[in-house]
PDB file of N, CA and C in Angstrom:
ATOM      1  N   MET A   1      20.076   0.737  24.251  1.00  0.00           N
ATOM      2  CA  MET A   1      19.889   0.459  25.476  1.00  0.00           C
ATOM      3  C   MET A   1      19.191  -0.842  25.316  1.00  0.00           C
ATOM      4  N   LEU A   2      19.547  -1.677  25.920  1.00  0.00           N
ATOM      5  CA  LEU A   2      18.671  -3.333  25.917  1.00  0.00           C
ATOM      6  C   LEU A   2      17.675  -3.433  26.786  1.00  0.00           C
ATOM      7  N   LYS A   3      16.555  -3.722  26.494  1.00  0.00           N
ATOM      8  CA  LYS A   3      15.672  -4.342  27.447  1.00  0.00           C
ATOM      9  C   LYS A   3      15.034  -5.897  27.177  1.00  0.00           C
ATOM     10  N   LYS A   4      14.446  -6.365  28.787  1.00  0.00           N
ATOM     11  CA  LYS A   4      14.687  -7.640  28.700  1.00  0.00           C
ATOM     12  C   LYS A   4      13.122  -7.669  28.526  1.00  0.00           C
ATOM     13  N   LEU A   5      12.688  -8.895  27.366  1.00  0.00           N
ATOM     14  CA  LEU A   5      11.621  -9.158  27.161  1.00  0.00           C
ATOM     15  C   LEU A   5      11.190 -10.550  27.231  1.00  0.00           C
ATOM     16  N   THR A   6      10.227 -10.799  27.936  1.00  0.00           N
ATOM     17  CA  THR A   6       9.823 -12.714  28.173  1.00  0.00           C
ATOM     18  C   THR A   6       8.593 -12.781  27.258  1.00  0.00           C
ATOM     19  N   ILE A   7       9.013 -13.688  26.201  1.00  0.00           N
ATOM     20  CA  ILE A   7       7.829 -14.027  25.871  1.00  0.00           C
ATOM     21  C   ILE A   7       8.132 -15.722  25.792  1.00  0.00           C
ATOM     22  N   THR A   8       6.253 -16.100  25.614  1.00  0.00           N
ATOM     23  CA  THR A   8       6.043 -17.601  25.387  1.00  0.00           C
ATOM     24  C   THR A   8       5.934 -18.095  24.201  1.00  0.00           C
ATOM     25  N   ILE A   9       6.696 -19.421  23.751  1.00  0.00           N
ATOM     26  CA  ILE A   9       6.465 -19.790  22.129  1.00  0.00           C
ATOM     27  C   ILE A   9       6.337 -21.458  22.883  1.00  0.00           C
ATOM     28  N   ASP A  10       5.927 -21.992  21.332  1.00  0.00           N
ATOM     29  CA  ASP A  10       5.720 -23.522  21.587  1.00  0.00           C
ATOM     30  C   ASP A  10       7.003 -24.260  21.609  1.00  0.00           C
ATOM     31  N   GLU A  11       7.055 -25.033  22.549  1.00  0.00           N
ATOM     32  CA  GLU A  11       8.285 -25.871  22.484  1.00  0.00           C
ATOM     33  C   GLU A  11       9.062 -26.174  21.831  1.00  0.00           C
ATOM     34  N   ASP A  12       8.280 -26.863  20.506  1.00  0.00           N
ATOM     35  CA  ASP A  12       9.042 -27.029  19.348  1.00  0.00           C
ATOM     36  C   ASP A  12       9.700 -25.981  18.056  1.00  0.00           C
ATOM     37  N   VAL A  13       9.302 -24.715  18.802  1.00  0.00           N
ATOM     38  CA  VAL A  13       9.424 -23.705  18.036  1.00  0.00           C
ATOM     39  C   VAL A  13      10.963 -23.239  18.686  1.00  0.00           C
ATOM     40  N   TYR A  14      11.037 -23.495  20.226  1.00  0.00           N
ATOM     41  CA  TYR A  14      12.034 -23.269  20.936  1.00  0.00           C
ATOM     42  C   TYR A  14      13.308 -23.948  20.723  1.00  0.00           C
ATOM     43  N   ALA A  15      12.551 -25.472  20.439  1.00  0.00           N
ATOM     44  CA  ALA A  15      13.932 -26.158  20.440  1.00  0.00           C
ATOM     45  C   ALA A  15      14.491 -26.240  18.721  1.00  0.00           C
ATOM     46  N   GLY A  16      13.632 -25.512  17.996  1.00  0.00           N
ATOM     47  CA  GLY A  16      14.264 -25.250  16.504  1.00  0.00           C
ATOM     48  C   GLY A  16      14.951 -24.200  16.627  1.00  0.00           C
ATOM     49  N   LEU A  17      14.496 -22.868  17.372  1.00  0.00           N
ATOM     50  CA  LEU A  17      15.865 -21.844  17.557  1.00  0.00           C
ATOM     51  C   LEU A  17      17.107 -22.438  18.035  1.00  0.00           C
ATOM     52  N   TYR A  18      16.709 -23.041  19.134  1.00  0.00           N
ATOM     53  CA  TYR A  18      17.937 -23.599  19.721  1.00  0.00           C
ATOM     54  C   TYR A  18      18.909 -24.451  19.461  1.00  0.00           C
ATOM     55  N   ALA A  19      18.203 -25.292  18.017  1.00  0.00           N
ATOM     56  CA  ALA A  19      19.059 -26.257  17.524  1.00  0.00           C
ATOM     57  C   ALA A  19      19.781 -25.295  16.156  1.00  0.00           C
ATOM     58  N   VAL A  20      18.788 -24.385  15.119  1.00  0.00           N
ATOM     59  CA  VAL A  20      19.393 -23.509  14.366  1.00  0.00           C
ATOM     60  C   VAL A  20      20.031 -22.295  14.513  1.00  0.00           C
ATOM     61  N   VAL A  21      19.921 -21.569  15.394  1.00  0.00           N
ATOM     62  CA  VAL A  21      20.008 -20.393  15.689  1.00  0.00           C
ATOM     63  C   VAL A  21      21.290 -20.347  16.633  1.00  0.00           C
ATOM     64  N   GLY A  22      21.169 -21.379  18.045  1.00  0.00           N
ATOM     65  CA  GLY A  22      22.020 -21.477  18.808  1.00  0.00           C
ATOM     66  C   GLY A  22      21.615 -20.716  20.364  1.00  0.00           C
ATOM     67  N   PRO A  23      21.980 -21.229  21.108  1.00  0.00           N
ATOM     68  CA  PRO A  23      21.554 -21.263  22.681  1.00  0.00           C
ATOM     69  C   PRO A  23      21.586 -19.404  23.174  1.00  0.00           C
ATOM     70  N   ARG A  24      22.751 -18.744  22.692  1.00  0.00           N
ATOM     71  CA  ARG A  24      23.561 -17.651  22.956  1.00  0.00           C
ATOM     72  C   ARG A  24      23.035 -16.591  22.015  1.00  0.00           C
ATOM     73  N   HIS A  25      22.333 -16.852  20.755  1.00  0.00           N
ATOM     74  CA  HIS A  25      21.757 -15.692  19.538  1.00  0.00           C
ATOM     75  C   HIS A  25      20.661 -15.927  19.496  1.00  0.00           C
ATOM     76  N   ILE A  26      19.585 -16.534  20.178  1.00  0.00           N
ATOM     77  CA  ILE A  26      18.247 -16.344  19.722  1.00  0.00           C
ATOM     78  C   ILE A  26      17.354 -14.743  20.105  1.00  0.00           C
ATOM     79  N   SER A  27      18.025 -14.103  21.101  1.00  0.00           N
ATOM     80  CA  SER A  27      17.475 -12.864  21.437  1.00  0.00           C
ATOM     81  C   SER A  27      17.747 -11.730  19.700  1.00  0.00           C
ATOM     82  N   ARG A  28      19.303 -12.392  19.290  1.00  0.00           N
ATOM     83  CA  ARG A  28      19.512 -11.142  18.145  1.00  0.00           C
ATOM     84  C   ARG A  28      18.903 -11.720  17.078  1.00  0.00           C
ATOM     85  N   PHE A  29      18.320 -13.033  17.061  1.00  0.00           N
ATOM     86  CA  PHE A  29      17.882 -13.252  15.658  1.00  0.00           C
ATOM     87  C   PHE A  29      16.549 -12.921  15.469  1.00  0.00           C
ATOM     88  N   ILE A  30      15.782 -12.960  16.861  1.00  0.00           N
ATOM     89  CA  ILE A  30      14.176 -12.058  16.956  1.00  0.00           C
ATOM     90  C   ILE A  30      14.012 -10.999  16.540  1.00  0.00           C
ATOM     91  N   GLU A  31      15.380 -10.301  17.217  1.00  0.00           N
ATOM     92  CA  GLU A  31      15.525  -8.923  17.067  1.00  0.00           C
ATOM     93  C   GLU A  31      15.603  -8.672  15.329  1.00  0.00           C
ATOM     94  N   ASP A  32      16.404  -9.155  14.340  1.00  0.00           N
ATOM     95  CA  ASP A  32      16.593  -8.791  13.299  1.00  0.00           C
ATOM     96  C   ASP A  32      15.503  -9.023  12.713  1.00  0.00           C
ATOM     97  N   LEU A  33      14.687  -9.935  12.847  1.00  0.00           N
ATOM     98  CA  LEU A  33      13.673 -10.623  12.218  1.00  0.00           C
ATOM     99  C   LEU A  33      12.245  -9.712  12.431  1.00  0.00           C
ATOM    100  N   VAL A  34      12.584  -9.305  13.808  1.00  0.00           N
ATOM    101  CA  VAL A  34      11.275  -8.065  13.795  1.00  0.00           C
ATOM    102  C   VAL A  34      11.225  -6.788  13.621  1.00  0.00           C
ATOM    103  N   ARG A  35      12.558  -6.013  13.861  1.00  0.00           N
ATOM    104  CA  ARG A  35      13.002  -4.797  13.386  1.00  0.00           C
ATOM    105  C   ARG A  35      12.666  -3.965  12.391  1.00  0.00           C
ATOM    106  N   PRO A  36      12.466  -4.783  11.207  1.00  0.00           N
ATOM    107  CA  PRO A  36      11.947  -3.871  10.297  1.00  0.00           C
ATOM    108  C   PRO A  36      10.472  -3.530  10.163  1.00  0.00           C
ATOM    109  N   HIS A  37       9.765  -4.734  10.736  1.00  0.00           N
ATOM    110  CA  HIS A  37       8.181  -4.496  11.243  1.00  0.00           C
ATOM    111  C   HIS A  37       7.894  -3.280  11.887  1.00  0.00           C
ATOM    112  N   VAL A  38       8.945  -2.986  13.007  1.00  0.00           N
ATOM    113  CA  VAL A  38       8.622  -2.404  14.082  1.00  0.00           C
ATOM    114  C   VAL A  38       9.012  -1.196  14.297  1.00  0.00           C
ATOM    115  N   THR A  39      10.396  -0.912  13.135  1.00  0.00           N
ATOM    116  CA  THR A  39      11.394   0.683  13.665  1.00  0.00           C
ATOM    117  C   THR A  39      10.971   0.928  11.916  1.00  0.00           C
ATOM    118  N   PHE A  40      10.666   2.528  12.406  1.00  0.00           N
ATOM    119  CA  PHE A  40      10.295   3.471  10.912  1.00  0.00           C
ATOM    120  C   PHE A  40      11.253   4.604  10.824  1.00  0.00           C
ATOM    121  N   HIS A  41      11.786   4.924  12.089  1.00  0.00           N
ATOM    122  CA  HIS A  41      12.456   6.039  11.560  1.00  0.00           C
ATOM    123  C   HIS A  41      13.736   6.288  10.825  1.00  0.00           C
ATOM    124  N   ASP A  42      14.344   4.880   9.986  1.00  0.00           N
ATOM    125  CA  ASP A  42      15.263   4.917   9.462  1.00  0.00           C
ATOM    126  C   ASP A  42      14.276   5.341   7.927  1.00  0.00           C
ATOM    127  N   LEU A  43      13.132   5.120   7.584  1.00  0.00           N
ATOM    128  CA  LEU A  43      12.557   4.990   6.530  1.00  0.00           C
ATOM    129  C   LEU A  43      12.822   5.929   5.585  1.00  0.00           C
ATOM    130  N   ALA A  44      12.568   7.606   6.193  1.00  0.00           N
ATOM    131  CA  ALA A  44      12.701   8.535   5.108  1.00  0.00           C
ATOM    132  C   ALA A  44      14.192   8.434   4.987  1.00  0.00           C
ATOM    133  N   ALA A  45      15.269   7.949   5.653  1.00  0.00           N
ATOM    134  CA  ALA A  45      17.008   8.128   5.102  1.00  0.00           C
ATOM    135  C   ALA A  45      16.706   7.166   4.062  1.00  0.00           C
ATOM    136  N   ALA A  46      16.392   5.959   4.062  1.00  0.00           N
ATOM    137  CA  ALA A  46      16.333   4.909   3.030  1.00  0.00           C
ATOM    138  C   ALA A  46      15.788   5.436   1.899  1.00  0.00           C
ATOM    139  N   TYR A  47      14.294   6.221   1.927  1.00  0.00           N
ATOM    140  CA  TYR A  47      13.908   6.658   0.978  1.00  0.00           C
ATOM    141  C   TYR A  47      14.709   7.545  -0.037  1.00  0.00           C
ATOM    142  N   GLN A  48      15.307   8.329   0.827  1.00  0.00           N
ATOM    143  CA  GLN A  48      16.411   9.495   0.179  1.00  0.00           C
ATOM    144  C   GLN A  48      17.413   8.906  -0.224  1.00  0.00           C
ATOM    145  N   GLN A  49      18.176   7.729   0.285  1.00  0.00           N
ATOM    146  CA  GLN A  49      19.204   7.466  -0.363  1.00  0.00           C
ATOM    147  C   GLN A  49      18.422   6.778  -1.781  1.00  0.00           C
ATOM    148  N   MET A  50      17.408   5.942  -1.925  1.00  0.00           N
ATOM    149  CA  MET A  50      17.161   5.427  -2.969  1.00  0.00           C
ATOM    150  C   MET A  50      16.987   6.310  -4.130  1.00  0.00           C
ATOM    151  N   ALA A  51      16.703   7.521  -3.716  1.00  0.00           N
ATOM    152  CA  ALA A  51      16.116   8.335  -4.717  1.00  0.00           C
ATOM    153  C   ALA A  51      17.551   9.098  -5.226  1.00  0.00           C
ATOM    154  N   GLU A  52      18.647   9.341  -4.682  1.00  0.00           N
ATOM    155  CA  GLU A  52      19.742   9.651  -4.832  1.00  0.00           C
ATOM    156  C   GLU A  52      20.757   8.823  -5.684  1.00  0.00           C
ATOM    157  N   ASP A  53      19.870   7.282  -5.900  1.00  0.00           N
ATOM    158  CA  ASP A  53      20.431   6.583  -6.598  1.00  0.00           C
ATOM    159  C   ASP A  53      19.937   6.708  -8.201  1.00  0.00           C
ATOM    160  N   GLU A  54      21.054   7.144  -8.842  1.00  0.00           N
ATOM    161  CA  GLU A  54      20.633   7.766 -10.335  1.00  0.00           C
ATOM    162  C   GLU A  54      20.218   6.735 -11.293  1.00  0.00           C
ATOM    163  N   GLU A  55      21.313   5.341 -11.105  1.00  0.00           N
ATOM    164  CA  GLU A  55      20.748   4.780 -12.267  1.00  0.00           C
ATOM    165  C   GLU A  55      19.546   4.035 -11.717  1.00  0.00           C
ATOM    166  N   ARG A  56      19.107   3.773 -10.190  1.00  0.00           N
ATOM    167  CA  ARG A  56      18.056   2.734 -10.299  1.00  0.00           C
ATOM    168  C   ARG A  56      17.011   3.743 -10.252  1.00  0.00           C
ATOM    169  N   GLU A  57      17.073   4.822 -10.187  1.00  0.00           N
ATOM    170  CA  GLU A  57      15.938   5.825 -10.812  1.00  0.00           C
ATOM    171  C   GLU A  57      15.314   5.794 -11.901  1.00  0.00           C
ATOM    172  N   ALA A  58      16.553   5.989 -13.041  1.00  0.00           N
ATOM    173  CA  ALA A  58      16.544   5.859 -14.416  1.00  0.00           C
ATOM    174  C   ALA A  58      15.923   4.327 -14.466  1.00  0.00           C
ATOM    175  N   GLU A  59      16.329   3.503 -14.027  1.00  0.00           N
ATOM    176  CA  GLU A  59      15.658   1.894 -14.570  1.00  0.00           C
ATOM    177  C   GLU A  59      14.215   2.244 -14.129  1.00  0.00           C
ATOM    178  N   ALA A  60      13.772   2.715 -12.916  1.00  0.00           N
ATOM    179  CA  ALA A  60      12.579   2.770 -12.518  1.00  0.00           C
ATOM    180  C   ALA A  60      11.667   3.310 -13.362  1.00  0.00           C
ATOM    181  N   LEU A  61      12.178   4.656 -13.679  1.00  0.00           N
ATOM    182  CA  LEU A  61      11.637   5.484 -14.857  1.00  0.00           C
ATOM    183  C   LEU A  61      10.946   4.533 -15.518  1.00  0.00           C
ATOM    184  N   GLU A  62      12.150   4.017 -16.497  1.00  0.00           N
ATOM    185  CA  GLU A  62      12.069   2.965 -17.482  1.00  0.00           C
ATOM    186  C   GLU A  62      11.004   1.626 -17.487  1.00  0.00           C
ATOM    187  N   TRP A  63      10.631   1.299 -16.281  1.00  0.00           N
ATOM    188  CA  TRP A  63      10.138   0.685 -16.123  1.00  0.00           C
ATOM    189  C   TRP A  63       8.469   0.985 -16.019  1.00  0.00           C
ATOM    190  N   THR A  64       8.406   2.137 -15.365  1.00  0.00           N
ATOM    191  CA  THR A  64       6.935   2.577 -15.405  1.00  0.00           C
ATOM    192  C   THR A  64       6.480   2.780 -16.384  1.00  0.00           C
ATOM    193  N   GLU A  65       7.084   3.674 -17.069  1.00  0.00           N
ATOM    194  CA  GLU A  65       6.890   4.104 -18.253  1.00  0.00           C
ATOM    195  C   GLU A  65       6.555   2.935 -19.100  1.00  0.00           C
ATOM    196  N   ALA A  66       7.234   2.051 -19.502  1.00  0.00           N
ATOM    197  CA  ALA A  66       6.813   0.440 -20.081  1.00  0.00           C
ATOM    198  C   ALA A  66       5.749   0.007 -20.049  1.00  0.00           C
ATOM    199  N   THR A  67       5.162   0.089 -18.691  1.00  0.00           N
ATOM    200  CA  THR A  67       4.228  -0.450 -18.132  1.00  0.00           C
ATOM    201  C   THR A  67       3.027   0.191 -18.027  1.00  0.00           C
ATOM    202  N   VAL A  68       3.232   1.279 -18.098  1.00  0.00           N
ATOM    203  CA  VAL A  68       2.091   2.401 -17.935  1.00  0.00           C
ATOM    204  C   VAL A  68       0.913   2.159 -19.003  1.00  0.00           C
ATOM    205  N   GLY A  69       1.205   1.774 -20.379  1.00  0.00           N
ATOM    206  CA  GLY A  69       0.665   1.131 -21.368  1.00  0.00           C
ATOM    207  C   GLY A  69      -0.338   0.299 -21.106  1.00  0.00           C
ATOM    208  N   ASP A  70      -0.008  -0.649 -20.125  1.00  0.00           N
ATOM    209  CA  ASP A  70      -0.861  -1.800 -19.741  1.00  0.00           C
ATOM    210  C   ASP A  70      -2.207  -1.694 -19.263  1.00  0.00           C
ATOM    211  N   VAL A  71      -1.916  -0.434 -18.190  1.00  0.00           N
ATOM    212  CA  VAL A  71      -3.047  -0.356 -17.485  1.00  0.00           C
ATOM    213  C   VAL A  71      -4.622   0.118 -18.358  1.00  0.00           C
ATOM    214  N   GLY A  72      -4.682   0.878 -19.859  1.00  0.00           N
ATOM    215  CA  GLY A  72      -5.355   0.746 -20.021  1.00  0.00           C
ATOM    216  C   GLY A  72      -6.330  -0.235 -20.940  1.00  0.00           C
ATOM    217  N   ASP A  73      -5.413  -1.226 -20.507  1.00  0.00           N
ATOM    218  CA  ASP A  73      -6.412  -2.752 -21.466  1.00  0.00           C
ATOM    219  C   ASP A  73      -7.018  -3.096 -20.370  1.00  0.00           C
ATOM    220  N   ALA A  74      -6.528  -3.162 -19.093  1.00  0.00           N
ATOM    221  CA  ALA A  74      -6.908  -3.614 -18.181  1.00  0.00           C
ATOM    222  C   ALA A  74      -8.984  -3.486 -18.029  1.00  0.00           C
ATOM    223  N   ALA A  75      -9.208  -4.701 -17.829  1.00  0.00           N
ATOM    224  CA  ALA A  75     -11.157  -4.773 -17.489  1.00  0.00           C
ATOM    225  C   ALA A  75     -11.452  -4.564 -15.974  1.00  0.00           C
ATOM    226  N   TRP A  76     -11.501  -3.833 -15.683  1.00  0.00           N
ATOM    227  CA  TRP A  76     -12.341  -3.357 -14.120  1.00  0.00           C
ATOM    228  C   TRP A  76     -13.809  -3.554 -13.864  1.00  0.00           C
TER     229      TRP A  76
END
């Protein structure tokens, strides 16, 4: 369901949006930029999908194991 939102922005920003994105695409452009910062319901599914990627998990484990020794040399 779509909701209408009225925002106020500087005229230079609007002119840039109009020129770069196009007059009929500004809402979608802004929504695509904002969505990852305000919607979290897919986060658990994304983490689950990453965890199921065995190759990625193996690479991550290898990386963490290789860097864990670096912490001991850190000066706090």
